[in-house]
Each structure stands twice: as structure tokens, then as C-alpha cells.
N, C-alpha and C. Protein backbone atom coordinates (compact mmCIF):
# COMPACT_ATOMS: atom_id res chain seq x y z
N MET A 1 -20.39 -17.06 33.31
CA MET A 1 -19.71 -16.61 32.11
C MET A 1 -19.38 -15.13 32.26
N SER A 2 -18.14 -14.76 31.98
CA SER A 2 -17.68 -13.38 32.11
C SER A 2 -18.00 -12.60 30.84
N MET A 3 -18.44 -11.33 31.00
CA MET A 3 -18.74 -10.48 29.86
C MET A 3 -17.61 -9.50 29.57
N SER A 4 -16.49 -9.59 30.30
CA SER A 4 -15.39 -8.65 30.07
C SER A 4 -14.60 -9.06 28.83
N ALA A 5 -14.00 -8.04 28.20
CA ALA A 5 -13.22 -8.28 27.00
C ALA A 5 -11.84 -8.81 27.39
N PRO A 6 -11.23 -9.59 26.54
CA PRO A 6 -9.89 -10.08 26.85
C PRO A 6 -8.88 -8.93 26.87
N VAL A 7 -7.89 -9.05 27.73
CA VAL A 7 -6.83 -8.04 27.82
C VAL A 7 -5.74 -8.42 26.84
N GLY A 8 -5.26 -7.46 26.08
CA GLY A 8 -4.18 -7.71 25.13
C GLY A 8 -4.17 -6.66 24.05
N PRO A 9 -3.29 -6.81 23.07
CA PRO A 9 -3.22 -5.82 21.99
C PRO A 9 -4.57 -5.66 21.30
N ALA A 10 -4.93 -4.42 21.03
CA ALA A 10 -6.20 -4.12 20.38
C ALA A 10 -5.94 -3.27 19.15
N VAL A 11 -6.72 -3.49 18.12
CA VAL A 11 -6.55 -2.78 16.85
C VAL A 11 -7.91 -2.26 16.40
N ILE A 12 -7.93 -1.02 15.93
CA ILE A 12 -9.13 -0.43 15.35
C ILE A 12 -8.98 -0.53 13.83
N GLU A 13 -10.04 -0.99 13.16
CA GLU A 13 -10.01 -1.07 11.70
C GLU A 13 -11.33 -0.57 11.13
N HIS A 14 -11.23 0.31 10.14
CA HIS A 14 -12.40 0.83 9.44
C HIS A 14 -12.06 0.94 7.95
N GLU A 15 -13.11 0.91 7.11
CA GLU A 15 -12.91 1.05 5.67
C GLU A 15 -14.09 1.79 5.07
N VAL A 16 -13.80 2.71 4.15
CA VAL A 16 -14.82 3.39 3.36
C VAL A 16 -14.31 3.48 1.92
N ARG A 17 -15.26 3.65 1.02
CA ARG A 17 -14.92 3.96 -0.38
C ARG A 17 -15.39 5.37 -0.65
N VAL A 18 -14.53 6.15 -1.30
CA VAL A 18 -14.86 7.54 -1.57
C VAL A 18 -14.76 7.83 -3.06
N ALA A 19 -15.63 8.71 -3.53
CA ALA A 19 -15.60 9.14 -4.93
C ALA A 19 -14.57 10.27 -5.04
N ALA A 20 -13.31 9.89 -4.97
CA ALA A 20 -12.18 10.82 -5.04
C ALA A 20 -10.96 10.04 -5.50
N THR A 21 -9.97 10.75 -5.99
CA THR A 21 -8.74 10.09 -6.42
C THR A 21 -7.84 9.83 -5.21
N PRO A 22 -6.89 8.91 -5.34
CA PRO A 22 -5.93 8.71 -4.26
C PRO A 22 -5.17 9.99 -3.92
N GLU A 23 -4.89 10.81 -4.91
CA GLU A 23 -4.19 12.07 -4.66
C GLU A 23 -5.02 13.02 -3.82
N GLN A 24 -6.32 13.10 -4.11
CA GLN A 24 -7.21 13.95 -3.31
C GLN A 24 -7.29 13.45 -1.87
N LEU A 25 -7.34 12.15 -1.71
CA LEU A 25 -7.37 11.57 -0.37
C LEU A 25 -6.09 11.93 0.39
N ALA A 26 -4.95 11.78 -0.24
CA ALA A 26 -3.68 12.08 0.42
C ALA A 26 -3.63 13.53 0.88
N LEU A 27 -4.10 14.46 0.07
CA LEU A 27 -4.14 15.87 0.48
C LEU A 27 -5.09 16.08 1.65
N ALA A 28 -6.19 15.35 1.68
CA ALA A 28 -7.18 15.51 2.75
C ALA A 28 -6.67 15.03 4.10
N VAL A 29 -5.70 14.10 4.12
CA VAL A 29 -5.21 13.58 5.40
C VAL A 29 -3.79 14.04 5.75
N THR A 30 -3.23 14.95 4.94
CA THR A 30 -1.87 15.42 5.25
C THR A 30 -1.73 16.93 5.27
N THR A 31 -2.73 17.68 4.80
CA THR A 31 -2.59 19.13 4.73
C THR A 31 -3.57 19.82 5.67
N GLU A 32 -3.21 21.01 6.11
CA GLU A 32 -4.10 21.79 6.98
C GLU A 32 -5.41 22.09 6.27
N GLU A 33 -5.34 22.44 5.01
CA GLU A 33 -6.55 22.73 4.24
C GLU A 33 -7.48 21.51 4.22
N GLY A 34 -6.93 20.34 3.94
CA GLY A 34 -7.74 19.14 3.88
C GLY A 34 -8.27 18.72 5.24
N LEU A 35 -7.41 18.66 6.22
CA LEU A 35 -7.82 18.19 7.56
C LEU A 35 -8.84 19.11 8.22
N SER A 36 -8.75 20.40 7.96
CA SER A 36 -9.72 21.32 8.58
C SER A 36 -11.10 21.20 7.94
N GLY A 37 -11.20 20.50 6.81
CA GLY A 37 -12.49 20.30 6.16
C GLY A 37 -13.30 19.15 6.72
N TRP A 38 -12.65 18.20 7.37
CA TRP A 38 -13.38 17.03 7.86
C TRP A 38 -13.03 16.62 9.29
N TYR A 39 -11.83 16.92 9.74
CA TYR A 39 -11.41 16.45 11.06
C TYR A 39 -11.63 17.50 12.13
N SER A 40 -10.90 18.63 12.04
CA SER A 40 -10.97 19.64 13.09
C SER A 40 -10.69 21.02 12.55
N ALA A 41 -11.54 21.97 12.93
CA ALA A 41 -11.29 23.36 12.56
C ALA A 41 -10.15 23.92 13.39
N GLY A 42 -9.91 23.39 14.57
CA GLY A 42 -8.85 23.85 15.45
C GLY A 42 -7.62 22.99 15.29
N MET A 43 -6.94 23.14 14.17
CA MET A 43 -5.78 22.29 13.92
C MET A 43 -4.70 23.04 13.19
N THR A 44 -3.50 22.49 13.21
CA THR A 44 -2.36 23.04 12.48
C THR A 44 -1.67 21.88 11.78
N ALA A 45 -1.02 22.20 10.69
CA ALA A 45 -0.21 21.21 9.99
C ALA A 45 1.07 21.89 9.55
N SER A 46 2.19 21.26 9.81
CA SER A 46 3.49 21.79 9.41
C SER A 46 4.10 20.84 8.40
N GLN A 47 4.13 21.24 7.15
CA GLN A 47 4.70 20.38 6.11
C GLN A 47 6.18 20.15 6.33
N SER A 48 6.91 21.17 6.82
CA SER A 48 8.34 21.02 7.00
C SER A 48 8.66 20.01 8.11
N ASP A 49 7.84 19.97 9.15
CA ASP A 49 8.07 19.04 10.25
C ASP A 49 7.26 17.76 10.10
N ALA A 50 6.37 17.70 9.13
CA ALA A 50 5.48 16.57 8.92
C ALA A 50 4.73 16.24 10.21
N VAL A 51 4.09 17.27 10.78
CA VAL A 51 3.34 17.13 12.02
C VAL A 51 1.96 17.74 11.84
N VAL A 52 0.93 17.06 12.34
CA VAL A 52 -0.39 17.65 12.41
C VAL A 52 -0.81 17.67 13.87
N GLY A 53 -1.47 18.76 14.26
CA GLY A 53 -1.93 18.91 15.63
C GLY A 53 -3.39 19.30 15.65
N PHE A 54 -4.14 18.71 16.57
CA PHE A 54 -5.57 18.98 16.70
C PHE A 54 -5.82 19.55 18.09
N HIS A 55 -6.32 20.79 18.13
CA HIS A 55 -6.48 21.51 19.38
C HIS A 55 -7.89 22.08 19.46
N ALA A 56 -8.89 21.24 19.34
CA ALA A 56 -10.28 21.68 19.36
C ALA A 56 -10.71 21.97 20.80
N SER A 57 -11.54 22.99 20.96
CA SER A 57 -12.06 23.34 22.28
C SER A 57 -12.81 22.16 22.90
N HIS A 58 -12.60 21.96 24.17
CA HIS A 58 -13.31 20.95 24.95
C HIS A 58 -13.01 19.51 24.50
N HIS A 59 -11.89 19.32 23.81
CA HIS A 59 -11.48 17.98 23.38
C HIS A 59 -10.00 17.81 23.68
N PRO A 60 -9.54 16.59 23.86
CA PRO A 60 -8.12 16.37 24.13
C PRO A 60 -7.25 16.88 22.97
N VAL A 61 -6.06 17.33 23.30
CA VAL A 61 -5.08 17.76 22.30
C VAL A 61 -4.38 16.52 21.75
N PHE A 62 -4.29 16.46 20.44
CA PHE A 62 -3.54 15.39 19.77
C PHE A 62 -2.53 16.01 18.83
N GLU A 63 -1.35 15.42 18.76
CA GLU A 63 -0.37 15.76 17.73
C GLU A 63 0.15 14.45 17.16
N TRP A 64 0.33 14.46 15.86
CA TRP A 64 0.76 13.26 15.14
C TRP A 64 1.91 13.61 14.21
N SER A 65 2.95 12.78 14.17
CA SER A 65 3.95 12.91 13.12
C SER A 65 3.42 12.14 11.92
N VAL A 66 3.68 12.66 10.73
CA VAL A 66 3.11 12.10 9.51
C VAL A 66 4.24 11.59 8.61
N ALA A 67 4.10 10.36 8.15
CA ALA A 67 5.08 9.77 7.24
C ALA A 67 4.35 9.12 6.08
N ARG A 68 5.03 9.07 4.95
CA ARG A 68 4.49 8.39 3.77
C ARG A 68 5.51 7.33 3.34
N PRO A 69 5.49 6.17 4.02
CA PRO A 69 6.52 5.16 3.76
C PRO A 69 6.44 4.51 2.39
N SER A 70 5.27 4.54 1.77
CA SER A 70 5.12 3.95 0.44
C SER A 70 3.93 4.59 -0.26
N VAL A 71 3.86 4.37 -1.56
CA VAL A 71 2.71 4.86 -2.32
C VAL A 71 1.46 4.18 -1.78
N GLY A 72 0.44 4.97 -1.52
CA GLY A 72 -0.81 4.41 -1.03
C GLY A 72 -0.86 4.18 0.47
N GLU A 73 0.09 4.78 1.20
CA GLU A 73 0.10 4.60 2.65
C GLU A 73 0.58 5.88 3.33
N ILE A 74 -0.19 6.31 4.32
CA ILE A 74 0.18 7.45 5.15
C ILE A 74 0.08 6.98 6.59
N VAL A 75 1.12 7.23 7.37
CA VAL A 75 1.17 6.76 8.75
C VAL A 75 1.25 7.96 9.68
N TRP A 76 0.28 8.05 10.58
CA TRP A 76 0.32 9.04 11.65
C TRP A 76 0.78 8.32 12.91
N THR A 77 1.79 8.87 13.59
CA THR A 77 2.23 8.33 14.88
C THR A 77 1.93 9.37 15.94
N CYS A 78 1.16 8.99 16.96
CA CYS A 78 0.74 9.91 18.00
C CYS A 78 1.94 10.31 18.87
N THR A 79 2.22 11.61 18.94
CA THR A 79 3.32 12.13 19.75
C THR A 79 2.82 12.88 20.98
N THR A 80 1.58 13.36 20.94
CA THR A 80 0.94 14.03 22.08
C THR A 80 -0.51 13.62 22.09
N GLY A 81 -0.98 13.18 23.26
CA GLY A 81 -2.37 12.78 23.37
C GLY A 81 -2.66 12.26 24.76
N PRO A 82 -3.92 12.05 25.05
CA PRO A 82 -4.31 11.60 26.39
C PRO A 82 -4.02 10.12 26.61
N GLY A 83 -3.91 9.76 27.87
CA GLY A 83 -3.79 8.36 28.24
C GLY A 83 -2.66 7.64 27.55
N ARG A 84 -2.98 6.46 27.04
CA ARG A 84 -1.96 5.63 26.39
C ARG A 84 -1.96 5.78 24.87
N SER A 85 -2.48 6.90 24.36
CA SER A 85 -2.53 7.09 22.91
C SER A 85 -1.16 7.40 22.31
N VAL A 86 -0.24 7.98 23.09
CA VAL A 86 1.09 8.32 22.57
C VAL A 86 1.80 7.03 22.15
N GLY A 87 2.31 7.06 20.92
CA GLY A 87 3.00 5.91 20.37
C GLY A 87 2.12 5.04 19.48
N THR A 88 0.80 5.22 19.56
CA THR A 88 -0.07 4.45 18.68
C THR A 88 0.07 5.00 17.26
N GLN A 89 -0.29 4.21 16.27
CA GLN A 89 -0.21 4.62 14.88
C GLN A 89 -1.54 4.45 14.17
N ALA A 90 -1.91 5.48 13.43
CA ALA A 90 -3.09 5.43 12.57
C ALA A 90 -2.57 5.33 11.14
N ILE A 91 -2.85 4.23 10.48
CA ILE A 91 -2.32 3.97 9.14
C ILE A 91 -3.47 4.05 8.14
N TYR A 92 -3.32 4.99 7.20
CA TYR A 92 -4.27 5.12 6.10
C TYR A 92 -3.67 4.37 4.91
N ALA A 93 -4.29 3.27 4.51
CA ALA A 93 -3.92 2.58 3.29
C ALA A 93 -5.01 2.91 2.28
N TYR A 94 -4.62 3.31 1.08
CA TYR A 94 -5.62 3.71 0.09
C TYR A 94 -5.19 3.26 -1.29
N PHE A 95 -6.22 2.89 -2.08
CA PHE A 95 -5.95 2.36 -3.41
C PHE A 95 -7.22 2.44 -4.24
N PRO A 96 -7.10 2.45 -5.57
CA PRO A 96 -8.28 2.50 -6.42
C PRO A 96 -9.19 1.30 -6.14
N ALA A 97 -10.49 1.56 -6.06
CA ALA A 97 -11.47 0.51 -5.76
C ALA A 97 -11.90 -0.25 -7.01
N GLY A 98 -11.55 0.25 -8.19
CA GLY A 98 -11.93 -0.43 -9.42
C GLY A 98 -13.24 0.04 -9.99
N ASP A 99 -13.94 0.90 -9.27
CA ASP A 99 -15.23 1.41 -9.74
C ASP A 99 -15.20 2.94 -9.84
N GLY A 100 -14.00 3.50 -9.95
CA GLY A 100 -13.85 4.95 -10.02
C GLY A 100 -13.70 5.60 -8.66
N ARG A 101 -13.84 4.81 -7.60
CA ARG A 101 -13.67 5.34 -6.26
C ARG A 101 -12.33 4.88 -5.68
N THR A 102 -12.03 5.39 -4.50
CA THR A 102 -10.81 5.01 -3.79
C THR A 102 -11.21 4.33 -2.48
N THR A 103 -10.63 3.19 -2.21
CA THR A 103 -10.84 2.51 -0.93
C THR A 103 -9.85 3.09 0.08
N VAL A 104 -10.37 3.41 1.26
CA VAL A 104 -9.55 3.92 2.36
C VAL A 104 -9.69 2.94 3.51
N ARG A 105 -8.58 2.36 3.93
CA ARG A 105 -8.57 1.49 5.11
C ARG A 105 -7.78 2.19 6.19
N LEU A 106 -8.42 2.38 7.31
CA LEU A 106 -7.74 2.97 8.46
C LEU A 106 -7.52 1.88 9.50
N THR A 107 -6.28 1.74 9.93
CA THR A 107 -5.94 0.81 10.99
C THR A 107 -5.22 1.61 12.07
N HIS A 108 -5.76 1.61 13.28
CA HIS A 108 -5.13 2.31 14.40
C HIS A 108 -4.62 1.24 15.35
N LEU A 109 -3.30 1.10 15.43
CA LEU A 109 -2.72 0.04 16.22
C LEU A 109 -1.74 0.55 17.24
N GLY A 110 -1.33 -0.33 18.11
CA GLY A 110 -0.39 0.01 19.16
C GLY A 110 -1.03 0.19 20.52
N TRP A 111 -2.33 -0.11 20.61
CA TRP A 111 -3.01 0.00 21.89
C TRP A 111 -2.51 -1.08 22.83
N ALA A 112 -2.29 -0.72 24.08
CA ALA A 112 -1.80 -1.68 25.07
C ALA A 112 -2.87 -2.71 25.42
N GLU A 113 -4.11 -2.29 25.47
CA GLU A 113 -5.19 -3.20 25.82
C GLU A 113 -6.52 -2.62 25.36
N ASP A 114 -7.53 -3.45 25.35
CA ASP A 114 -8.87 -3.03 24.96
C ASP A 114 -9.53 -2.37 26.18
N ASP A 115 -9.51 -1.02 26.22
CA ASP A 115 -10.07 -0.31 27.37
C ASP A 115 -11.06 0.75 26.90
N ASP A 116 -11.56 1.55 27.83
CA ASP A 116 -12.56 2.56 27.47
C ASP A 116 -12.04 3.57 26.46
N ALA A 117 -10.78 3.98 26.57
CA ALA A 117 -10.22 4.94 25.60
C ALA A 117 -10.19 4.31 24.20
N PHE A 118 -9.86 3.05 24.14
CA PHE A 118 -9.86 2.32 22.87
C PHE A 118 -11.27 2.34 22.25
N ARG A 119 -12.27 2.06 23.06
CA ARG A 119 -13.64 2.03 22.55
C ARG A 119 -14.09 3.40 22.05
N ARG A 120 -13.79 4.46 22.81
CA ARG A 120 -14.15 5.82 22.37
C ARG A 120 -13.45 6.18 21.07
N CYS A 121 -12.18 5.84 20.99
CA CYS A 121 -11.41 6.14 19.78
C CYS A 121 -11.98 5.37 18.58
N ASN A 122 -12.37 4.14 18.79
CA ASN A 122 -12.96 3.34 17.71
C ASN A 122 -14.21 4.02 17.17
N THR A 123 -15.07 4.49 18.06
CA THR A 123 -16.30 5.17 17.65
C THR A 123 -15.97 6.45 16.88
N LEU A 124 -15.02 7.22 17.39
CA LEU A 124 -14.66 8.48 16.73
C LEU A 124 -14.07 8.25 15.34
N TRP A 125 -13.23 7.23 15.17
CA TRP A 125 -12.67 6.98 13.85
C TRP A 125 -13.76 6.67 12.83
N GLY A 126 -14.79 5.94 13.25
CA GLY A 126 -15.90 5.67 12.33
C GLY A 126 -16.56 6.96 11.88
N ALA A 127 -16.85 7.85 12.83
CA ALA A 127 -17.46 9.15 12.48
C ALA A 127 -16.52 9.97 11.61
N LEU A 128 -15.24 9.96 11.93
CA LEU A 128 -14.28 10.75 11.15
C LEU A 128 -14.17 10.26 9.71
N LEU A 129 -14.16 8.95 9.51
CA LEU A 129 -14.04 8.45 8.14
C LEU A 129 -15.28 8.78 7.31
N PHE A 130 -16.45 8.72 7.91
CA PHE A 130 -17.64 9.10 7.15
C PHE A 130 -17.61 10.60 6.83
N GLN A 131 -17.08 11.41 7.72
CA GLN A 131 -16.97 12.84 7.44
C GLN A 131 -15.91 13.10 6.37
N LEU A 132 -14.83 12.35 6.38
CA LEU A 132 -13.82 12.42 5.31
C LEU A 132 -14.46 12.09 3.97
N GLN A 133 -15.27 11.05 3.94
CA GLN A 133 -15.96 10.67 2.71
C GLN A 133 -16.86 11.81 2.23
N ARG A 134 -17.64 12.38 3.13
CA ARG A 134 -18.54 13.48 2.76
C ARG A 134 -17.74 14.67 2.21
N TYR A 135 -16.68 15.02 2.91
CA TYR A 135 -15.85 16.16 2.49
C TYR A 135 -15.28 15.93 1.08
N LEU A 136 -14.73 14.76 0.84
CA LEU A 136 -14.14 14.48 -0.47
C LEU A 136 -15.18 14.43 -1.58
N GLU A 137 -16.36 13.96 -1.27
CA GLU A 137 -17.38 13.80 -2.31
C GLU A 137 -18.20 15.07 -2.57
N THR A 138 -18.32 15.94 -1.57
CA THR A 138 -19.16 17.13 -1.74
C THR A 138 -18.40 18.45 -1.62
N GLY A 139 -17.22 18.41 -1.00
CA GLY A 139 -16.47 19.64 -0.74
C GLY A 139 -17.00 20.40 0.46
N GLU A 140 -18.05 19.87 1.09
CA GLU A 140 -18.64 20.52 2.24
C GLU A 140 -17.70 20.42 3.44
N ARG A 141 -17.37 21.56 4.02
CA ARG A 141 -16.43 21.64 5.15
C ARG A 141 -17.22 21.60 6.45
N ARG A 142 -17.31 20.41 7.04
CA ARG A 142 -18.01 20.22 8.33
C ARG A 142 -17.17 19.32 9.20
N PRO A 143 -16.09 19.85 9.79
CA PRO A 143 -15.23 18.99 10.61
C PRO A 143 -15.96 18.43 11.82
N VAL A 144 -15.63 17.21 12.18
CA VAL A 144 -16.23 16.56 13.34
C VAL A 144 -15.98 17.38 14.60
N PHE A 145 -14.76 17.88 14.74
CA PHE A 145 -14.39 18.72 15.88
C PHE A 145 -14.37 20.16 15.41
N GLY A 146 -15.50 20.87 15.61
CA GLY A 146 -15.71 22.21 15.10
C GLY A 146 -14.86 23.24 15.71
């Protein structure tokens, strides 16, 4: 019996509920002020170009174009990054959870296959979403990539 994973399209999916409004969540994932509180202290965001870039020391450089195709959805498309990450999309879907919190679903798709980079990215997204939750609920600025 083989223990290797099947080759084919791979998707990362995570979900958290945060004690914050959908508007607060949108600011946290689209603005330099918000992103530097939970994602990376070494980052830039250009509202005019709708681009966010992460340039943390000792970590790969990532740049993402940001779009808001509909209410409750923010789509990051990777334009600069290591390996096969360019062209992948990280989609934040968010909506009221019904208990005063907001549900955040992150789906990162477009991976060519399930490989080591996919696995590392999956782990990092889990850590990032929990840090996003902490930032929104406490205001504590502790980005994963310092």
C-alpha cells in the first residue's frame, strides 16, 4: 500500500469565527494598518493599485493583487512568490455567524498539485487565521511574520 498523496489540484481550507464585524475583518485583510497587526510587520499595501506585499526578513517575498468581487468576499491573487504560488488565489469569504461574531472562511486554491510547498502553506494559513482572530478580538499587534 502506497502512503503518497494523490497528484492533482489541491485546495487549502480553513475557518474561524471572530468577535468582530464584517467591516472590521475587511479592513484587517485589505489595509496596511490591519495586515501589519496580524500577518507581517514587513509589508506594504497600496490602495490605489489594490496590491499587498509581504517582505519579512528571512521569509519568501509575496505580493498579492486584491479584489472585492462581491459583498463578503475578498480575493487575493498571488503575483509574486516562491515556487508555484504565483497565480494561486486566497479567497476570504466572511459573513455574520448569527451569534454576534463573523465567520471567516479562507480558501487558497489554484495549486498544481499536493506538494511540500502546499503543506507548508496550509500550516501557515492556520497560524495566520488564529492570529487574525486574536488581533481582531484583542487589538494586540503580534504579526506572525515579525
